[in-house]
């Protein structure tokens, strides 16, 4: 959770919703975000996520408030 708010979605849900909303394949979404499809898969499945400023930068790129 970001900033301790229980109302915000987990990172995995945010990134999956973004990709599904835009109807992007995982490889295309990963390309747009500048990462490997495997990393994106790990994030979407909740096994890992970016930290600190990297997380904030990704959320801003997705149009989601950090």
Protein backbone atom coordinates (compact mmCIF):
# COMPACT_ATOMS: atom_id res chain seq x y z
CA UNK A 1 0.00 0.00 0.00
CA UNK A 2 1.16 3.49 -0.66
CA UNK A 3 1.39 6.04 2.13
CA UNK A 4 -0.53 3.80 4.50
CA UNK A 5 -3.93 4.29 2.87
CA UNK A 6 -6.18 1.26 2.99
CA UNK A 7 -8.28 2.69 0.16
CA UNK A 8 -5.51 2.53 -2.43
CA UNK A 9 -5.19 -0.55 -4.58
CA UNK A 10 -2.16 -2.81 -4.29
CA UNK A 11 0.48 -2.11 -6.93
CA UNK A 12 -0.26 -5.40 -8.72
CA UNK A 13 -3.91 -4.40 -9.21
CA UNK A 14 -3.00 -0.93 -10.45
CA UNK A 15 -0.55 -2.13 -13.07
CA UNK A 16 -2.79 -4.98 -14.25
CA UNK A 17 -5.78 -2.65 -14.55
CA UNK A 18 -3.68 -0.18 -16.57
CA UNK A 19 -2.54 -2.85 -19.01
CA UNK A 20 -6.04 -4.32 -19.38
CA UNK A 21 -7.68 -0.92 -19.82
CA UNK A 22 -5.34 -0.12 -22.72
CA UNK A 23 -5.64 -3.68 -24.08
CA UNK A 24 -1.86 -4.04 -24.20
CA UNK A 25 -0.01 -7.30 -24.43
CA UNK A 26 2.47 -7.84 -21.64
CA UNK A 27 5.46 -7.43 -24.02
CA UNK A 28 4.06 -4.16 -25.41
CA UNK A 29 3.25 -2.79 -21.94
CA UNK A 30 6.73 -3.74 -20.72
CA UNK A 31 8.27 -2.00 -23.72
CA UNK A 32 6.30 1.19 -22.97
CA UNK A 33 7.49 1.08 -19.36
CA UNK A 34 11.09 0.28 -20.31
CA UNK A 35 11.35 -3.10 -18.63
CA UNK A 36 11.28 -6.79 -19.41
CA UNK A 37 7.97 -8.65 -19.80
CA UNK A 38 9.15 -10.98 -17.02
CA UNK A 39 9.52 -8.05 -14.58
CA UNK A 40 6.05 -6.83 -15.49
CA UNK A 41 4.67 -10.33 -14.95
CA UNK A 42 6.27 -10.48 -11.49
CA UNK A 43 4.69 -7.13 -10.62
CA UNK A 44 1.25 -8.08 -11.94
CA UNK A 45 1.28 -11.31 -9.98
CA UNK A 46 2.31 -9.52 -6.80
CA UNK A 47 5.58 -11.39 -6.40
CA UNK A 48 7.62 -8.19 -6.51
CA UNK A 49 7.23 -4.48 -7.11
CA UNK A 50 9.44 -1.44 -7.57
CA UNK A 51 10.46 0.53 -4.51
CA UNK A 52 10.94 4.15 -3.61
CA UNK A 53 11.24 6.66 -6.41
CA UNK A 54 11.06 3.92 -9.06
CA UNK A 55 7.59 2.99 -7.82
CA UNK A 56 6.49 6.62 -7.80
CA UNK A 57 7.82 7.12 -11.34
CA UNK A 58 5.98 4.04 -12.65
CA UNK A 59 2.71 5.08 -10.99
CA UNK A 60 3.02 8.57 -12.47
CA UNK A 61 3.68 7.05 -15.89
CA UNK A 62 0.47 5.03 -15.47
CA UNK A 63 -1.43 8.19 -14.56
CA UNK A 64 -2.02 6.99 -10.99
CA UNK A 65 -1.37 9.20 -7.98
CA UNK A 66 1.39 7.97 -5.71
